[in-house]
Every structure is written in structure tokens, then in C-alpha cells.
Amino acid sequence: MPPRSFWKGYLKLSLVTCPVTMMPATTESERVRFRTMNAKSGHPVASRYVDAVTGKPVADDDLTKGYPRGEDEHVILEEEDLDSVALDSTRTIDIETFVEAETIGWIFYDKPHYLLPSDAVGEEAFAVIREAMAATGRVGISRLVMGGRERAVMLAPRGDGIVLWTLRYGDEVRKADAYFGKLGSAKPEAKLMTLVKSLIDERTAEWDPKLVEDPVQDNLLEMIAKKRKSKKTVAAPRKGAPSSGNVVNIMDALRQSLNKKS
């Protein structure tokens, strides 16, 4: 069953507008989650806000936002203050720019969402925008308020819908040259390249979502099931980590890898 939409608004391109709905393309609902417990009593531990100076609990109605302007000084912001700077992008995805899809570095991609028309009336306008982007090989760039902050977003056609990616802020992305620029530019030996290419060809397969399954979560669920039955601690055996004590010649290691199946 598809999840409920968490955002509804409008997709706009010049004079073409259609109502749309959006939902996350990924989920963490299947992830094993734990509660923090009191080891002595076995009771769950509850978190609460307390005044950092007095140590007294703070009621929900007394919580507000503050911007630090000194070590012990803050500018208090009320809900009315935040509403006054609200942007039009809160409910409208207005596409004003298009770029070649391959010009956006993958590192800017943040989180994917599925975007689709919210009613039959808007399907034609939605389809026109989607198909035009697909035909030109371009993606749309817009801005959208999510989680209280305006984010740059990228819209890419995919099948009968559109995938909306939130994009990372420029100051969140570190330049690769600051790290890779320190590496040497030496070329590997031709024999090494031949062996590695053979190894890659041997291990090449079709993409399968099972390749990214989480074995740790499966082990956790199995351990929890055992503890429910026995109420005893069950420790799963750990596989030995590869030793770093012995230095192996890379050429010999590659030959051994290729010879395993021969």
C-alpha cells in the first residue's frame, strides 16, 4: 500500500499549472528500532526538555525558537515572526530553470520524492511538463519549502511520474579536489590493469535490489526472536575480520582471486 502524501501543492511552468501531491521515495519504517530503557527497572526512559540554567522541566507551550548572538544571549523568534518570512515556495513548485541532467553532480542529490498529479484534471498539464523534459533530456530546477527551510529541488521525468530530488546546499558539499588532489597521478602497470579488468568482468552481474539488503537487520530480528523464546542473551557469531598484519603482493592476490573459479 503506497504511503499517504506528506505534501500537496501546485506544479507550475509559466502559465501551465496543475495540482500535485508528493511522497518520499524511500522509507525507514522497516528498520529495527530500539527504545532506551532503564536497565534496573526494565521501564522505558522518557526524554523531556529542561531549562539549561534552572534544570526545571519546560512545558510544550513555553517552547520557542532562539537564534544565538552571543555566548549567553539569544534573539527570540515567535511563530508570527517565522510566518512573516514565509515564501511562496511553501505550496508551489515553480520551475524557472532547466539544465542538462548530467551537469548536476551526484553529490548534490539529497533525498528523492515521487511527484504525481493529485486529480484527473491536472494529469494533462502534468504529462506535458514530464514529456517535454524527457524529450529534451533536461531536468527542472525550482525551490520548495520543506521542514521549515527553502530547498533547491530537481525534477526529473521517470516513467509516468516525476522524481523530485532535494538538492544539498552549496555550503554542505565539500570540493573533491581538497581530498583527491593530494593523490598521486601514477599510472598502474598494464598487467595489473588486465588482471583487474578480468576480475571485474568475472564478477559483473545484473543489478538486483537484494545486493543492498541489510544482513545486520536480519540477524537482529533473528536474535530478538530467540530472546523472546528463551529470555536469555543470544550472541550471534562474528565473522573474523581480514587481518592487516600480512602484506600481500597485489599481483599475487589478483591472480589468486581469478584462479578461485578456474
Protein backbone atom coordinates (compact mmCIF):
# COMPACT_ATOMS: atom_id res chain seq x y z
CA MET A 1 0.00 0.00 0.00
CA PRO A 2 1.51 3.39 -1.01
CA PRO A 3 2.10 5.80 1.87
CA ARG A 4 -0.04 8.85 2.42
CA SER A 5 1.19 12.01 0.71
CA PHE A 6 3.03 14.32 3.06
CA TRP A 7 2.90 17.40 0.79
CA LYS A 8 0.27 18.81 -1.54
CA GLY A 9 0.55 21.90 -3.69
CA TYR A 10 0.99 23.01 -7.29
CA LEU A 11 3.47 22.39 -10.09
CA LYS A 12 3.87 25.47 -12.25
CA LEU A 13 5.66 26.18 -15.53
CA SER A 14 4.90 29.65 -16.85
CA LEU A 15 1.11 29.64 -17.33
CA VAL A 16 0.77 25.87 -17.02
CA THR A 17 -0.28 24.84 -13.50
CA CYS A 18 -1.54 21.60 -12.05
CA PRO A 19 -2.23 20.31 -8.52
CA VAL A 20 0.27 17.72 -7.39
CA THR A 21 0.98 15.50 -4.44
CA MET A 22 4.37 14.33 -3.21
CA MET A 23 5.59 11.49 -1.02
CA PRO A 24 9.02 10.18 -0.04
CA ALA A 25 10.51 7.65 -2.43
CA THR A 26 12.39 5.95 0.42
CA THR A 27 11.34 4.71 3.84
CA GLU A 28 12.95 3.71 7.11
CA SER A 29 9.80 2.17 8.58
CA GLU A 30 11.18 -1.36 8.20
CA ARG A 31 14.35 -0.56 10.13
CA VAL A 32 14.73 -2.20 13.54
CA ARG A 33 14.30 0.48 16.19
CA PHE A 34 15.14 0.36 19.87
CA ARG A 35 13.84 2.24 22.89
CA THR A 36 16.14 3.48 25.59
CA MET A 37 15.41 1.52 28.75
CA ASN A 38 16.22 1.66 32.44
CA ALA A 39 18.42 -1.41 32.92
CA LYS A 40 17.47 -1.69 36.62
CA SER A 41 13.69 -1.41 36.36
CA GLY A 42 13.15 -2.51 32.76
CA HIS A 43 10.98 0.57 32.16
CA PRO A 44 11.24 2.82 29.07
CA VAL A 45 13.10 6.11 29.57
CA ALA A 46 11.25 9.30 28.54
CA SER A 47 13.05 12.39 27.27
CA ARG A 48 11.92 15.89 28.19
CA TYR A 49 13.01 19.49 27.74
CA VAL A 50 14.56 21.16 30.76
CA ASP A 51 15.80 24.69 31.33
CA ALA A 52 19.58 24.61 30.80
CA VAL A 53 20.12 27.07 33.68
CA THR A 54 17.50 26.18 36.30
CA GLY A 55 17.23 22.47 35.42
CA LYS A 56 13.42 22.68 35.69
CA PRO A 57 11.14 20.99 33.09
CA VAL A 58 9.72 23.28 30.37
CA ALA A 59 6.11 22.86 29.22
CA ASP A 60 5.46 22.43 25.48
CA ASP A 61 3.52 25.72 25.37
CA ASP A 62 6.60 27.57 26.65
CA LEU A 63 8.95 26.29 23.95
CA THR A 64 10.05 28.77 21.27
CA LYS A 65 12.95 29.30 18.88
CA GLY A 66 16.03 31.38 19.57
CA TYR A 67 18.98 32.48 17.45
CA PRO A 68 22.29 32.77 19.35
CA ARG A 69 24.02 36.13 19.08
CA GLY A 70 26.43 35.64 21.94
CA GLU A 71 27.55 33.04 24.44
CA ASP A 72 24.55 33.54 26.73
CA GLU A 73 22.32 35.75 24.59
CA HIS A 74 19.65 34.78 22.05
CA VAL A 75 17.19 36.55 19.77
CA ILE A 76 13.75 35.05 20.50
CA LEU A 77 11.56 34.33 17.46
CA GLU A 78 7.80 33.88 17.78
CA GLU A 79 5.61 31.91 15.37
CA GLU A 80 4.34 35.22 13.95
CA ASP A 81 7.92 36.20 13.11
CA LEU A 82 8.51 32.96 11.23
CA ASP A 83 5.20 33.26 9.36
CA SER A 84 6.10 36.77 8.22
CA VAL A 85 9.08 35.49 6.22
CA ALA A 86 7.21 32.55 4.68
CA LEU A 87 7.89 32.09 0.97
CA ASP A 88 5.63 31.39 -1.99
CA SER A 89 7.53 28.13 -2.47
CA THR A 90 5.68 26.73 0.54
CA ARG A 91 2.90 25.45 -1.73
CA THR A 92 4.10 26.00 -5.31
CA ILE A 93 6.90 24.33 -7.27
CA ASP A 94 7.55 26.99 -9.88
CA ILE A 95 10.04 25.74 -12.47
CA GLU A 96 12.03 28.71 -13.75
CA THR A 97 15.24 26.99 -14.88
CA PHE A 98 16.14 23.85 -16.82
CA VAL A 99 19.58 22.26 -17.07
CA GLU A 100 21.14 19.23 -18.72
CA ALA A 101 20.58 16.32 -16.35
CA GLU A 102 24.20 15.13 -16.42
CA THR A 103 25.58 18.54 -15.39
CA ILE A 104 24.36 18.15 -11.79
CA GLY A 105 26.95 16.30 -9.77
CA TRP A 106 25.59 13.25 -7.95
CA ILE A 107 26.95 14.60 -4.68
CA PHE A 108 24.31 17.34 -4.71
CA TYR A 109 21.49 14.77 -4.71
CA ASP A 110 19.90 14.57 -1.24
CA LYS A 111 16.54 12.80 -0.89
CA PRO A 112 14.16 11.52 -3.61
CA HIS A 113 10.40 12.01 -3.66
CA TYR A 114 7.66 10.87 -6.01
CA LEU A 115 5.63 13.67 -7.57
CA LEU A 116 2.31 12.96 -9.30
CA PRO A 117 -0.91 14.79 -10.20
CA SER A 118 -3.41 14.88 -7.36
CA ASP A 119 -6.51 14.77 -9.58
CA ALA A 120 -7.55 13.78 -13.09
CA VAL A 121 -8.00 17.40 -14.18
CA GLY A 122 -4.30 18.13 -13.77
CA GLU A 123 -3.00 14.98 -15.48
CA GLU A 124 -2.71 16.56 -18.94
CA ALA A 125 -0.70 19.56 -17.73
CA PHE A 126 1.48 17.25 -15.63
CA ALA A 127 2.07 14.95 -18.62
CA VAL A 128 3.07 17.85 -20.88
CA ILE A 129 5.74 19.05 -18.45
CA ARG A 130 7.01 15.50 -17.85
CA GLU A 131 7.19 14.51 -21.52
CA ALA A 132 8.80 17.80 -22.60
CA MET A 133 11.60 17.30 -20.06
CA ALA A 134 12.08 13.70 -21.21
CA ALA A 135 12.20 14.72 -24.88
CA THR A 136 14.80 17.44 -24.31
CA GLY A 137 16.94 15.48 -21.83
CA ARG A 138 16.65 18.28 -19.30
CA VAL A 139 15.58 18.50 -15.67
CA GLY A 140 13.81 21.33 -13.92
CA ILE A 141 15.28 23.34 -11.05
CA SER A 142 12.96 25.01 -8.57
CA ARG A 143 12.71 25.85 -4.88
CA LEU A 144 10.43 24.42 -2.24
CA VAL A 145 9.98 24.94 1.49
CA MET A 146 10.42 21.63 3.31
CA GLY A 147 10.99 21.16 7.01
CA GLY A 148 10.87 24.90 7.61
CA ARG A 149 13.68 25.67 5.14
CA GLU A 150 13.63 26.53 1.47
CA ARG A 151 15.47 23.90 -0.57
CA ALA A 152 16.57 23.82 -4.16
CA VAL A 153 14.93 20.83 -5.85
CA MET A 154 15.47 18.99 -9.12
CA LEU A 155 12.57 17.49 -11.08
CA ALA A 156 13.37 14.58 -13.39
CA PRO A 157 10.87 12.60 -15.50
CA ARG A 158 10.65 8.91 -14.64
CA GLY A 159 8.12 6.64 -16.27
CA ASP A 160 4.65 8.15 -15.89
CA GLY A 161 5.71 10.36 -13.00
CA ILE A 162 8.37 12.80 -11.86
CA VAL A 163 11.05 12.22 -9.27
CA LEU A 164 11.76 15.30 -7.19
CA TRP A 165 15.20 15.35 -5.57
CA THR A 166 16.01 17.81 -2.83
CA LEU A 167 19.48 19.19 -3.50
CA ARG A 168 22.14 19.84 -0.91
CA TYR A 169 23.07 23.43 -0.14
CA GLY A 170 26.30 24.59 -1.70
CA ASP A 171 27.97 25.02 1.70
CA GLU A 172 27.18 21.36 2.53
CA VAL A 173 29.23 19.98 -0.35
CA ARG A 174 32.98 19.72 0.06
CA LYS A 175 35.14 20.03 -3.05
CA ALA A 176 36.68 16.73 -4.12
CA ASP A 177 39.95 18.43 -5.12
CA ALA A 178 40.64 19.17 -1.46
CA TYR A 179 40.97 15.41 -0.96
CA PHE A 180 41.64 13.73 -4.29
CA GLY A 181 44.02 16.48 -5.35
CA LYS A 182 46.53 15.13 -2.85
CA LEU A 183 46.66 11.73 -4.52
CA GLY A 184 49.42 10.82 -6.92
CA SER A 185 48.78 10.53 -10.65
CA ALA A 186 50.91 7.44 -11.23
CA LYS A 187 49.54 5.02 -13.81
CA PRO A 188 49.21 1.34 -12.82
CA GLU A 189 51.08 -1.34 -14.72
CA ALA A 190 49.37 -2.77 -17.79
CA LYS A 191 49.47 -6.30 -16.33
CA LEU A 192 47.68 -5.12 -13.20
CA MET A 193 45.01 -3.39 -15.29
CA THR A 194 44.46 -6.56 -17.33
CA LEU A 195 44.03 -8.68 -14.22
CA VAL A 196 41.63 -6.22 -12.54
CA LYS A 197 39.54 -5.88 -15.72
CA SER A 198 39.28 -9.68 -15.88
CA LEU A 199 38.21 -9.75 -12.25
CA ILE A 200 35.57 -7.07 -12.89
CA ASP A 201 34.22 -8.94 -15.94
CA GLU A 202 34.03 -12.16 -13.93
CA ARG A 203 32.03 -10.52 -11.14
CA THR A 204 29.73 -8.39 -13.30
CA ALA A 205 26.02 -9.21 -12.87
CA GLU A 206 22.59 -7.68 -13.38
CA TRP A 207 21.52 -5.16 -10.76
CA ASP A 208 19.35 -6.73 -8.07
CA PRO A 209 17.88 -4.88 -5.03
CA LYS A 210 18.99 -7.87 -2.96
CA LEU A 211 22.53 -6.53 -3.36
CA VAL A 212 21.68 -3.77 -0.87
CA GLU A 213 19.82 -5.84 1.71
CA ASP A 214 20.83 -5.36 5.33
CA PRO A 215 22.09 -8.66 6.83
CA VAL A 216 22.65 -6.97 10.21
CA GLN A 217 18.93 -6.22 10.50
CA ASP A 218 18.07 -9.82 9.63
CA ASN A 219 20.48 -11.00 12.32
CA LEU A 220 18.94 -8.59 14.82
CA LEU A 221 15.41 -9.83 14.12
CA GLU A 222 16.57 -13.44 14.47
CA MET A 223 18.31 -12.67 17.76
CA ILE A 224 15.22 -10.84 19.09
CA ALA A 225 13.02 -13.81 18.16
CA LYS A 226 15.34 -16.15 20.06
CA LYS A 227 15.37 -13.88 23.12
CA ARG A 228 11.57 -13.83 23.13
CA LYS A 229 11.55 -17.62 23.38
CA SER A 230 14.42 -18.19 25.77
CA LYS A 231 14.64 -14.82 27.54
CA LYS A 232 18.39 -15.30 27.50
CA THR A 233 21.12 -13.30 25.82
CA VAL A 234 21.86 -14.71 22.39
CA ALA A 235 25.06 -13.51 20.77
CA ALA A 236 25.40 -14.04 17.04
CA PRO A 237 28.81 -15.35 15.99
CA ARG A 238 31.01 -12.70 14.45
CA LYS A 239 32.91 -13.36 11.31
CA GLY A 240 36.61 -12.80 11.58
CA ALA A 241 37.82 -9.54 10.07
CA PRO A 242 40.55 -9.77 7.44
CA SER A 243 43.96 -9.44 9.02
CA SER A 244 46.07 -6.43 8.11
CA GLY A 245 49.22 -7.96 9.58
CA ASN A 246 50.43 -9.62 6.38
CA VAL A 247 51.32 -7.57 3.32
CA VAL A 248 50.28 -9.44 0.17
CA ASN A 249 51.68 -8.68 -3.25
CA ILE A 250 48.82 -7.17 -5.27
CA MET A 251 49.68 -9.13 -8.39
CA ASP A 252 49.64 -12.44 -6.47
CA ALA A 253 46.37 -11.53 -4.75
CA LEU A 254 44.68 -10.74 -8.06
CA ARG A 255 45.91 -13.96 -9.64
CA GLN A 256 44.57 -15.94 -6.67
CA SER A 257 41.19 -14.20 -6.99
CA LEU A 258 40.95 -15.10 -10.67
CA ASN A 259 42.12 -18.68 -10.10
CA LYS A 260 39.45 -19.45 -7.50
CA LYS A 261 36.87 -20.35 -10.14
CA SER A 262 39.23 -21.87 -12.65
